[in-house]
Amino acid sequence: GFWADPPGYVDKIVWPNYVKDHAFLFQHGDVNGE
């Protein structure tokens, strides 16, 4: 079918998952940093 993100989905689901799975690629685990 079709999926539309409900309100707050980035903050609750998308970004936390990204941080969890990719922090090891960034200095000090800060995905907004270097």
Full PDB file with SEQRES, HELIX, SHEET, SSBOND, CRYST1, ORIGX, SCALE, CONECT and MASTER records, all heavy atoms in Angstrom:
SEQRES   1 A   34  GLY PHE TRP ALA ASP PRO PRO GLY TYR VAL ASP LYS ILE          
SEQRES   2 A   34  VAL TRP PRO ASN TYR VAL LYS ASP HIS ALA PHE LEU PHE          
SEQRES   3 A   34  GLN HIS GLY ASP VAL ASN GLY GLU                              
HELIX    1 AA1 TYR A    9  TYR A    9  1                                   1    
HELIX    2 AA2 VAL A   10  VAL A   14  3                                   5    
HELIX    3 AA3 TRP A   15  HIS A   22  1                                   8    
HELIX    4 AA4 ALA A   23  LEU A   25  5                                   3    
HELIX    5 AA5 GLN A   27  GLY A   29  5                                   3    
CRYST1    1.000    1.000    1.000  90.00  90.00  90.00 P 1           1          
ORIGX1      1.000000  0.000000  0.000000        0.00000                         
ORIGX2      0.000000  1.000000  0.000000        0.00000                         
ORIGX3      0.000000  0.000000  1.000000        0.00000                         
SCALE1      1.000000  0.000000  0.000000        0.00000                         
SCALE2      0.000000  1.000000  0.000000        0.00000                         
SCALE3      0.000000  0.000000  1.000000        0.00000                         
ATOM      1  N   GLY A   1       0.811  -1.222   0.000  1.00  0.00           N  
ATOM      2  CA  GLY A   1       0.000   0.000   0.000  1.00  0.00           C  
ATOM      3  C   GLY A   1       0.839   1.264   0.000  1.00  0.00           C  
ATOM      4  O   GLY A   1       1.682   1.472  -0.868  1.00  0.00           O  
ATOM      5  N   PHE A   2       0.607   2.102   1.013  1.00  0.00           N  
ATOM      6  CA  PHE A   2       1.260   3.402   1.069  1.00  0.00           C  
ATOM      7  C   PHE A   2       1.469   3.779   2.528  1.00  0.00           C  
ATOM      8  O   PHE A   2       0.612   3.532   3.379  1.00  0.00           O  
ATOM      9  CB  PHE A   2       0.365   4.454   0.385  1.00  0.00           C  
ATOM     10  CG  PHE A   2       1.029   5.793   0.190  1.00  0.00           C  
ATOM     11  CD1 PHE A   2       1.892   6.016  -0.870  1.00  0.00           C  
ATOM     12  CD2 PHE A   2       0.773   6.844   1.067  1.00  0.00           C  
ATOM     13  CE1 PHE A   2       2.504   7.250  -1.067  1.00  0.00           C  
ATOM     14  CE2 PHE A   2       1.378   8.076   0.890  1.00  0.00           C  
ATOM     15  CZ  PHE A   2       2.242   8.280  -0.178  1.00  0.00           C  
ATOM     16  N   TRP A   3       2.646   4.339   2.820  1.00  0.00           N  
ATOM     17  CA  TRP A   3       2.961   4.758   4.184  1.00  0.00           C  
ATOM     18  C   TRP A   3       3.220   6.262   4.219  1.00  0.00           C  
ATOM     19  O   TRP A   3       3.987   6.781   3.414  1.00  0.00           O  
ATOM     20  CB  TRP A   3       4.192   4.026   4.705  1.00  0.00           C  
ATOM     21  CG  TRP A   3       4.781   4.639   5.955  1.00  0.00           C  
ATOM     22  CD1 TRP A   3       5.806   5.534   6.035  1.00  0.00           C  
ATOM     23  CD2 TRP A   3       4.347   4.433   7.304  1.00  0.00           C  
ATOM     24  NE1 TRP A   3       6.062   5.883   7.344  1.00  0.00           N  
ATOM     25  CE2 TRP A   3       5.166   5.222   8.152  1.00  0.00           C  
ATOM     26  CE3 TRP A   3       3.344   3.648   7.880  1.00  0.00           C  
ATOM     27  CZ2 TRP A   3       5.018   5.239   9.530  1.00  0.00           C  
ATOM     28  CZ3 TRP A   3       3.207   3.672   9.263  1.00  0.00           C  
ATOM     29  CH2 TRP A   3       4.032   4.455  10.064  1.00  0.00           C  
ATOM     30  N   ALA A   4       2.571   6.946   5.149  1.00  0.00           N  
ATOM     31  CA  ALA A   4       2.841   8.354   5.401  1.00  0.00           C  
ATOM     32  C   ALA A   4       3.281   8.499   6.854  1.00  0.00           C  
ATOM     33  O   ALA A   4       2.629   7.953   7.759  1.00  0.00           O  
ATOM     34  CB  ALA A   4       1.595   9.197   5.139  1.00  0.00           C  
ATOM     35  N   ASP A   5       4.375   9.195   7.079  1.00  0.00           N  
ATOM     36  CA  ASP A   5       4.865   9.377   8.450  1.00  0.00           C  
ATOM     37  C   ASP A   5       3.833  10.102   9.300  1.00  0.00           C  
ATOM     38  O   ASP A   5       3.336  11.166   8.909  1.00  0.00           O  
ATOM     39  CB  ASP A   5       6.143  10.222   8.462  1.00  0.00           C  
ATOM     40  CG  ASP A   5       7.342   9.501   7.876  1.00  0.00           C  
ATOM     41  OD1 ASP A   5       7.279   8.270   7.706  1.00  0.00           O  
ATOM     42  OD2 ASP A   5       8.356  10.189   7.609  1.00  0.00           O  
ATOM     43  N   PRO A   6       3.513   9.593  10.473  1.00  0.00           N  
ATOM     44  CA  PRO A   6       2.650  10.335  11.398  1.00  0.00           C  
ATOM     45  C   PRO A   6       3.443  11.483  12.023  1.00  0.00           C  
ATOM     46  O   PRO A   6       4.672  11.518  11.950  1.00  0.00           O  
ATOM     47  CB  PRO A   6       2.257   9.291  12.441  1.00  0.00           C  
ATOM     48  CG  PRO A   6       3.369   8.303  12.416  1.00  0.00           C  
ATOM     49  CD  PRO A   6       3.871   8.273  11.009  1.00  0.00           C  
ATOM     50  N   PRO A   7       2.763  12.452  12.637  1.00  0.00           N  
ATOM     51  CA  PRO A   7       3.474  13.566  13.276  1.00  0.00           C  
ATOM     52  C   PRO A   7       4.511  13.081  14.289  1.00  0.00           C  
ATOM     53  O   PRO A   7       4.268  12.140  15.040  1.00  0.00           O  
ATOM     54  CB  PRO A   7       2.334  14.337  13.971  1.00  0.00           C  
ATOM     55  CG  PRO A   7       1.111  14.018  13.164  1.00  0.00           C  
ATOM     56  CD  PRO A   7       1.296  12.586  12.733  1.00  0.00           C  
ATOM     57  N   GLY A   8       5.683  13.720  14.263  1.00  0.00           N  
ATOM     58  CA  GLY A   8       6.733  13.387  15.220  1.00  0.00           C  
ATOM     59  C   GLY A   8       7.550  12.162  14.865  1.00  0.00           C  
ATOM     60  O   GLY A   8       8.400  11.730  15.658  1.00  0.00           O  
ATOM     61  N   TYR A   9       7.346  11.600  13.682  1.00  0.00           N  
ATOM     62  CA  TYR A   9       7.995  10.339  13.340  1.00  0.00           C  
ATOM     63  C   TYR A   9       9.520  10.454  13.243  1.00  0.00           C  
ATOM     64  O   TYR A   9      10.241   9.546  13.641  1.00  0.00           O  
ATOM     65  CB  TYR A   9       7.431   9.820  12.016  1.00  0.00           C  
ATOM     66  CG  TYR A   9       7.727   8.362  11.752  1.00  0.00           C  
ATOM     67  CD1 TYR A   9       7.049   7.360  12.448  1.00  0.00           C  
ATOM     68  CD2 TYR A   9       8.676   7.977  10.810  1.00  0.00           C  
ATOM     69  CE1 TYR A   9       7.314   6.020  12.215  1.00  0.00           C  
ATOM     70  CE2 TYR A   9       8.945   6.631  10.565  1.00  0.00           C  
ATOM     71  CZ  TYR A   9       8.262   5.658  11.280  1.00  0.00           C  
ATOM     72  OH  TYR A   9       8.534   4.328  11.048  1.00  0.00           O  
ATOM     73  N   VAL A  10      10.003  11.577  12.731  1.00  0.00           N  
ATOM     74  CA  VAL A  10      11.450  11.754  12.628  1.00  0.00           C  
ATOM     75  C   VAL A  10      12.092  11.729  14.010  1.00  0.00           C  
ATOM     76  O   VAL A  10      13.104  11.064  14.239  1.00  0.00           O  
ATOM     77  CB  VAL A  10      11.794  13.077  11.901  1.00  0.00           C  
ATOM     78  CG1 VAL A  10      13.298  13.363  11.991  1.00  0.00           C  
ATOM     79  CG2 VAL A  10      11.362  13.005  10.442  1.00  0.00           C  
ATOM     80  N   ASP A  11      11.499  12.444  14.952  1.00  0.00           N  
ATOM     81  CA  ASP A  11      12.079  12.538  16.293  1.00  0.00           C  
ATOM     82  C   ASP A  11      11.934  11.249  17.094  1.00  0.00           C  
ATOM     83  O   ASP A  11      12.806  10.913  17.905  1.00  0.00           O  
ATOM     84  CB  ASP A  11      11.417  13.681  17.059  1.00  0.00           C  
ATOM     85  CG  ASP A  11      11.765  15.037  16.471  1.00  0.00           C  
ATOM     86  OD1 ASP A  11      12.962  15.345  16.358  1.00  0.00           O  
ATOM     87  OD2 ASP A  11      10.846  15.792  16.102  1.00  0.00           O  
ATOM     88  N   LYS A  12      10.863  10.522  16.842  1.00  0.00           N  
ATOM     89  CA  LYS A  12      10.610   9.316  17.623  1.00  0.00           C  
ATOM     90  C   LYS A  12      11.269   8.063  17.031  1.00  0.00           C  
ATOM     91  O   LYS A  12      11.698   7.174  17.774  1.00  0.00           O  
ATOM     92  CB  LYS A  12       9.100   9.074  17.735  1.00  0.00           C  
ATOM     93  CG  LYS A  12       8.364  10.145  18.515  1.00  0.00           C  
ATOM     94  CD  LYS A  12       6.849   9.911  18.454  1.00  0.00           C  
ATOM     95  CE  LYS A  12       6.093  11.004  19.193  1.00  0.00           C  
ATOM     96  NZ  LYS A  12       4.617  10.839  19.064  1.00  0.00           N  
ATOM     97  N   ILE A  13      11.365   8.010  15.699  1.00  0.00           N  
ATOM     98  CA  ILE A  13      11.802   6.782  15.031  1.00  0.00           C  
ATOM     99  C   ILE A  13      13.021   6.981  14.130  1.00  0.00           C  
ATOM    100  O   ILE A  13      14.054   6.323  14.310  1.00  0.00           O  
ATOM    101  CB  ILE A  13      10.643   6.191  14.182  1.00  0.00           C  
ATOM    102  CG1 ILE A  13       9.407   5.920  15.056  1.00  0.00           C  
ATOM    103  CG2 ILE A  13      11.119   4.942  13.457  1.00  0.00           C  
ATOM    104  CD1 ILE A  13       9.589   4.841  16.093  1.00  0.00           C  
ATOM    105  N   VAL A  14      12.905   7.887  13.171  1.00  0.00           N  
ATOM    106  CA  VAL A  14      13.920   7.990  12.119  1.00  0.00           C  
ATOM    107  C   VAL A  14      15.295   8.381  12.661  1.00  0.00           C  
ATOM    108  O   VAL A  14      16.287   7.682  12.449  1.00  0.00           O  
ATOM    109  CB  VAL A  14      13.480   8.993  11.033  1.00  0.00           C  
ATOM    110  CG1 VAL A  14      14.564   9.130   9.957  1.00  0.00           C  
ATOM    111  CG2 VAL A  14      12.165   8.558  10.403  1.00  0.00           C  
ATOM    112  N   TRP A  15      15.349   9.505  13.361  1.00  0.00           N  
ATOM    113  CA  TRP A  15      16.655  10.007  13.801  1.00  0.00           C  
ATOM    114  C   TRP A  15      17.280   9.142  14.891  1.00  0.00           C  
ATOM    115  O   TRP A  15      18.483   8.843  14.830  1.00  0.00           O  
ATOM    116  CB  TRP A  15      16.549  11.467  14.233  1.00  0.00           C  
ATOM    117  CG  TRP A  15      17.894  12.137  14.303  1.00  0.00           C  
ATOM    118  CD1 TRP A  15      18.602  12.472  15.422  1.00  0.00           C  
ATOM    119  CD2 TRP A  15      18.712  12.523  13.189  1.00  0.00           C  
ATOM    120  NE1 TRP A  15      19.804  13.050  15.080  1.00  0.00           N  
ATOM    121  CE2 TRP A  15      19.898  13.094  13.714  1.00  0.00           C  
ATOM    122  CE3 TRP A  15      18.562  12.446  11.806  1.00  0.00           C  
ATOM    123  CZ2 TRP A  15      20.922  13.582  12.908  1.00  0.00           C  
ATOM    124  CZ3 TRP A  15      19.581  12.930  11.000  1.00  0.00           C  
ATOM    125  CH2 TRP A  15      20.748  13.492  11.545  1.00  0.00           C  
ATOM    126  N   PRO A  16      16.522   8.680  15.876  1.00  0.00           N  
ATOM    127  CA  PRO A  16      17.141   7.792  16.880  1.00  0.00           C  
ATOM    128  C   PRO A  16      17.741   6.523  16.263  1.00  0.00           C  
ATOM    129  O   PRO A  16      18.809   6.073  16.695  1.00  0.00           O  
ATOM    130  CB  PRO A  16      15.975   7.455  17.818  1.00  0.00           C  
ATOM    131  CG  PRO A  16      15.068   8.636  17.703  1.00  0.00           C  
ATOM    132  CD  PRO A  16      15.142   9.045  16.265  1.00  0.00           C  
ATOM    133  N   ASN A  17      17.084   5.954  15.264  1.00  0.00           N  
ATOM    134  CA  ASN A  17      17.633   4.768  14.596  1.00  0.00           C  
ATOM    135  C   ASN A  17      18.922   5.105  13.855  1.00  0.00           C  
ATOM    136  O   ASN A  17      19.892   4.333  13.883  1.00  0.00           O  
ATOM    137  CB  ASN A  17      16.616   4.197  13.609  1.00  0.00           C  
ATOM    138  CG  ASN A  17      15.644   3.228  14.267  1.00  0.00           C  
ATOM    139  OD1 ASN A  17      16.010   2.451  15.132  1.00  0.00           O  
ATOM    140  ND2 ASN A  17      14.387   3.297  13.862  1.00  0.00           N  
ATOM    141  N   TYR A  18      18.933   6.242  13.190  1.00  0.00           N  
ATOM    142  CA  TYR A  18      20.133   6.661  12.466  1.00  0.00           C  
ATOM    143  C   TYR A  18      21.306   6.826  13.431  1.00  0.00           C  
ATOM    144  O   TYR A  18      22.415   6.343  13.170  1.00  0.00           O  
ATOM    145  CB  TYR A  18      19.863   7.965  11.724  1.00  0.00           C  
ATOM    146  CG  TYR A  18      21.112   8.613  11.164  1.00  0.00           C  
ATOM    147  CD1 TYR A  18      21.895   7.960  10.213  1.00  0.00           C  
ATOM    148  CD2 TYR A  18      21.515   9.880  11.593  1.00  0.00           C  
ATOM    149  CE1 TYR A  18      23.047   8.547   9.708  1.00  0.00           C  
ATOM    150  CE2 TYR A  18      22.656  10.477  11.084  1.00  0.00           C  
ATOM    151  CZ  TYR A  18      23.429   9.806  10.142  1.00  0.00           C  
ATOM    152  OH  TYR A  18      24.566  10.384   9.653  1.00  0.00           O  
ATOM    153  N   VAL A  19      21.059   7.478  14.548  1.00  0.00           N  
ATOM    154  CA  VAL A  19      22.119   7.686  15.541  1.00  0.00           C  
ATOM    155  C   VAL A  19      22.632   6.343  16.047  1.00  0.00           C  
ATOM    156  O   VAL A  19      23.850   6.108  16.120  1.00  0.00           O  
ATOM    157  CB  VAL A  19      21.605   8.554  16.707  1.00  0.00           C  
ATOM    158  CG1 VAL A  19      22.638   8.610  17.832  1.00  0.00           C  
ATOM    159  CG2 VAL A  19      21.269   9.962  16.221  1.00  0.00           C  
ATOM    160  N   LYS A  20      21.725   5.448  16.384  1.00  0.00           N  
ATOM    161  CA  LYS A  20      22.107   4.142  16.942  1.00  0.00           C  
ATOM    162  C   LYS A  20      22.996   3.355  15.971  1.00  0.00           C  
ATOM    163  O   LYS A  20      23.981   2.730  16.372  1.00  0.00           O  
ATOM    164  CB  LYS A  20      20.851   3.334  17.275  1.00  0.00           C  
ATOM    165  CG  LYS A  20      21.111   1.909  17.745  1.00  0.00           C  
ATOM    166  CD  LYS A  20      19.827   1.226  18.148  1.00  0.00           C  
ATOM    167  CE  LYS A  20      18.875   1.016  16.996  1.00  0.00           C  
ATOM    168  NZ  LYS A  20      19.362   0.003  16.019  1.00  0.00           N  
ATOM    169  N   ASP A  21      22.652   3.403  14.694  1.00  0.00           N  
ATOM    170  CA  ASP A  21      23.344   2.568  13.713  1.00  0.00           C  
ATOM    171  C   ASP A  21      24.562   3.221  13.068  1.00  0.00           C  
ATOM    172  O   ASP A  21      25.337   2.531  12.384  1.00  0.00           O  
ATOM    173  CB  ASP A  21      22.363   2.158  12.604  1.00  0.00           C  
ATOM    174  CG  ASP A  21      21.297   1.199  13.096  1.00  0.00           C  
ATOM    175  OD1 ASP A  21      21.643   0.275  13.852  1.00  0.00           O  
ATOM    176  OD2 ASP A  21      20.109   1.380  12.749  1.00  0.00           O  
ATOM    177  N   HIS A  22      24.762   4.533  13.282  1.00  0.00           N  
ATOM    178  CA  HIS A  22      25.853   5.210  12.591  1.00  0.00           C  
ATOM    179  C   HIS A  22      26.769   6.039  13.488  1.00  0.00           C  
ATOM    180  O   HIS A  22      27.742   6.612  12.993  1.00  0.00           O  
ATOM    181  CB  HIS A  22      25.285   6.112  11.485  1.00  0.00           C  
ATOM    182  CG  HIS A  22      24.578   5.345  10.416  1.00  0.00           C  
ATOM    183  ND1 HIS A  22      23.235   5.057  10.498  1.00  0.00           N  
ATOM    184  CD2 HIS A  22      25.030   4.800   9.255  1.00  0.00           C  
ATOM    185  CE1 HIS A  22      22.881   4.362   9.420  1.00  0.00           C  
ATOM    186  NE2 HIS A  22      23.937   4.197   8.655  1.00  0.00           N  
ATOM    187  N   ALA A  23      26.478   6.105  14.772  1.00  0.00           N  
ATOM    188  CA  ALA A  23      27.320   6.909  15.666  1.00  0.00           C  
ATOM    189  C   ALA A  23      28.777   6.465  15.610  1.00  0.00           C  
ATOM    190  O   ALA A  23      29.691   7.287  15.768  1.00  0.00           O  
ATOM    191  CB  ALA A  23      26.796   6.818  17.105  1.00  0.00           C  
ATOM    192  N   PHE A  24      29.036   5.181  15.354  1.00  0.00           N  
ATOM    193  CA  PHE A  24      30.411   4.670  15.350  1.00  0.00           C  
ATOM    194  C   PHE A  24      31.248   5.223  14.197  1.00  0.00           C  
ATOM    195  O   PHE A  24      32.469   5.078  14.193  1.00  0.00           O  
ATOM    196  CB  PHE A  24      30.406   3.140  15.314  1.00  0.00           C  
ATOM    197  CG  PHE A  24      30.049   2.527  13.985  1.00  0.00           C  
ATOM    198  CD1 PHE A  24      31.035   1.970  13.185  1.00  0.00           C  
ATOM    199  CD2 PHE A  24      28.736   2.503  13.531  1.00  0.00           C  
ATOM    200  CE1 PHE A  24      30.727   1.391  11.964  1.00  0.00           C  
ATOM    201  CE2 PHE A  24      28.419   1.933  12.315  1.00  0.00           C  
ATOM    202  CZ  PHE A  24      29.411   1.372  11.522  1.00  0.00           C  
ATOM    203  N   LEU A  25      30.606   5.878  13.231  1.00  0.00           N  
ATOM    204  CA  LEU A  25      31.330   6.456  12.102  1.00  0.00           C  
ATOM    205  C   LEU A  25      31.716   7.921  12.338  1.00  0.00           C  
ATOM    206  O   LEU A  25      32.374   8.521  11.491  1.00  0.00           O  
ATOM    207  CB  LEU A  25      30.482   6.370  10.826  1.00  0.00           C  
ATOM    208  CG  LEU A  25      30.147   4.961  10.327  1.00  0.00           C  
ATOM    209  CD1 LEU A  25      29.245   5.038   9.104  1.00  0.00           C  
ATOM    210  CD2 LEU A  25      31.424   4.181  10.012  1.00  0.00           C  
ATOM    211  N   PHE A  26      31.335   8.466  13.490  1.00  0.00           N  
ATOM    212  CA  PHE A  26      31.582   9.879  13.784  1.00  0.00           C  
ATOM    213  C   PHE A  26      32.454  10.037  15.024  1.00  0.00           C  
ATOM    214  O   PHE A  26      32.439   9.193  15.924  1.00  0.00           O  
ATOM    215  CB  PHE A  26      30.252  10.606  14.012  1.00  0.00           C  
ATOM    216  CG  PHE A  26      29.415  10.760  12.769  1.00  0.00           C  
ATOM    217  CD1 PHE A  26      28.595   9.729  12.340  1.00  0.00           C  
ATOM    218  CD2 PHE A  26      29.459  11.933  12.035  1.00  0.00           C  
ATOM    219  CE1 PHE A  26      27.819   9.863  11.200  1.00  0.00           C  
ATOM    220  CE2 PHE A  26      28.691  12.076  10.889  1.00  0.00           C  
ATOM    221  CZ  PHE A  26      27.876  11.039  10.469  1.00  0.00           C  
ATOM    222  N   GLN A  27      33.185  11.126  15.063  1.00  0.00           N  
ATOM    223  CA  GLN A  27      33.999  11.434  16.224  1.00  0.00           C  
ATOM    224  C   GLN A  27      33.095  11.618  17.441  1.00  0.00           C  
ATOM    225  O   GLN A  27      32.096  12.341  17.377  1.00  0.00           O  
ATOM    226  CB  GLN A  27      34.810  12.708  15.977  1.00  0.00           C  
ATOM    227  CG  GLN A  27      35.864  12.573  14.885  1.00  0.00           C  
ATOM    228  CD  GLN A  27      36.649  13.846  14.683  1.00  0.00           C  
ATOM    229  OE1 GLN A  27      36.742  14.693  15.573  1.00  0.00           O  
ATOM    230  NE2 GLN A  27      37.221  14.005  13.499  1.00  0.00           N  
ATOM    231  N   HIS A  28      33.441  10.942  18.529  1.00  0.00           N  
ATOM    232  CA  HIS A  28      32.704  11.026  19.797  1.00  0.00           C  
ATOM    233  C   HIS A  28      31.239  10.608  19.642  1.00  0.00           C  
ATOM    234  O   HIS A  28      30.407  10.941  20.483  1.00  0.00           O  
ATOM    235  CB  HIS A  28      32.778  12.454  20.371  1.00  0.00           C  
ATOM    236  CG  HIS A  28      34.150  13.040  20.370  1.00  0.00           C  
ATOM    237  ND1 HIS A  28      35.191  12.506  21.103  1.00  0.00           N  
ATOM    238  CD2 HIS A  28      34.672  14.113  19.698  1.00  0.00           C  
ATOM    239  CE1 HIS A  28      36.286  13.225  20.902  1.00  0.00           C  
ATOM    240  NE2 HIS A  28      36.005  14.195  20.044  1.00  0.00           N  
ATOM    241  N   GLY A  29      30.911   9.899  18.564  1.00  0.00           N  
ATOM    242  CA  GLY A  29      29.548   9.428  18.365  1.00  0.00           C  
ATOM    243  C   GLY A  29      28.546  10.511  18.043  1.00  0.00           C  
ATOM    244  O   GLY A  29      27.331  10.259  18.078  1.00  0.00           O  
ATOM    245  N   ASP A  30      29.018  11.695  17.680  1.00  0.00           N  
ATOM    246  CA  ASP A  30      28.143  12.833  17.397  1.00  0.00           C  
ATOM    247  C   ASP A  30      27.842  12.885  15.901  1.00  0.00           C  
ATOM    248  O   ASP A  30      28.655  13.346  15.108  1.00  0.00           O  
ATOM    249  CB  ASP A  30      28.818  14.135  17.841  1.00  0.00           C  
ATOM    250  CG  ASP A  30      27.984  15.365  17.524  1.00  0.00           C  
ATOM    251  OD1 ASP A  30      26.814  15.221  17.108  1.00  0.00           O  
ATOM    252  OD2 ASP A  30      28.505  16.489  17.685  1.00  0.00           O  
ATOM    253  N   VAL A  31      26.653  12.424  15.488  1.00  0.00           N  
ATOM    254  CA  VAL A  31      26.321  12.341  14.067  1.00  0.00           C  
ATOM    255  C   VAL A  31      26.111  13.707  13.420  1.00  0.00           C  
ATOM    256  O   VAL A  31      25.973  13.794  12.193  1.00  0.00           O  
ATOM    257  CB  VAL A  31      25.079  11.458  13.832  1.00  0.00           C  
ATOM    258  CG1 VAL A  31      25.318  10.039  14.317  1.00  0.00           C  
ATOM    259  CG2 VAL A  31      23.844  12.061  14.488  1.00  0.00           C  
ATOM    260  N   ASN A  32      26.061  14.763  14.209  1.00  0.00           N  
ATOM    261  CA  ASN A  32      25.993  16.115  13.656  1.00  0.00           C  
ATOM    262  C   ASN A  32      27.387  16.724  13.505  1.00  0.00           C  
ATOM    263  O   ASN A  32      27.535  17.839  12.997  1.00  0.00           O  
ATOM    264  CB  ASN A  32      25.126  17.025  14.533  1.00  0.00           C  
ATOM    265  CG  ASN A  32      23.644  16.729  14.381  1.00  0.00           C  
ATOM    266  OD1 ASN A  32      23.098  16.747  13.286  1.00  0.00           O  
ATOM    267  ND2 ASN A  32      22.993  16.420  15.495  1.00  0.00           N  
ATOM    268  N   GLY A  33      28.399  15.975  13.956  1.00  0.00           N  
ATOM    269  CA  GLY A  33      29.750  16.503  13.946  1.00  0.00           C  
ATOM    270  C   GLY A  33      30.611  15.933  12.833  1.00  0.00           C  
ATOM    271  O   GLY A  33      30.123  15.591  11.755  1.00  0.00           O  
ATOM    272  N   GLU A  34      31.918  15.811  13.114  1.00  0.00           N  
ATOM    273  CA  GLU A  34      32.884  15.373  12.116  1.00  0.00           C  
ATOM    274  C   GLU A  34      32.939  13.839  12.035  1.00  0.00           C  
ATOM    275  O   GLU A  34      32.764  13.140  13.035  1.00  0.00           O  
ATOM    276  CB  GLU A  34      34.274  15.912  12.467  1.00  0.00           C  
ATOM    277  CG  GLU A  34      34.374  17.430  12.474  1.00  0.00           C  
ATOM    278  CD  GLU A  34      34.397  18.017  11.073  1.00  0.00           C  
ATOM    279  OE1 GLU A  34      34.698  17.265  10.116  1.00  0.00           O  
ATOM    280  OE2 GLU A  34      34.110  19.224  10.947  1.00  0.00           O  
TER     281      GLU A  34                                                      
MASTER        0    0    0    5    0    0    0    6  280    1    0    3          
END                                                                             
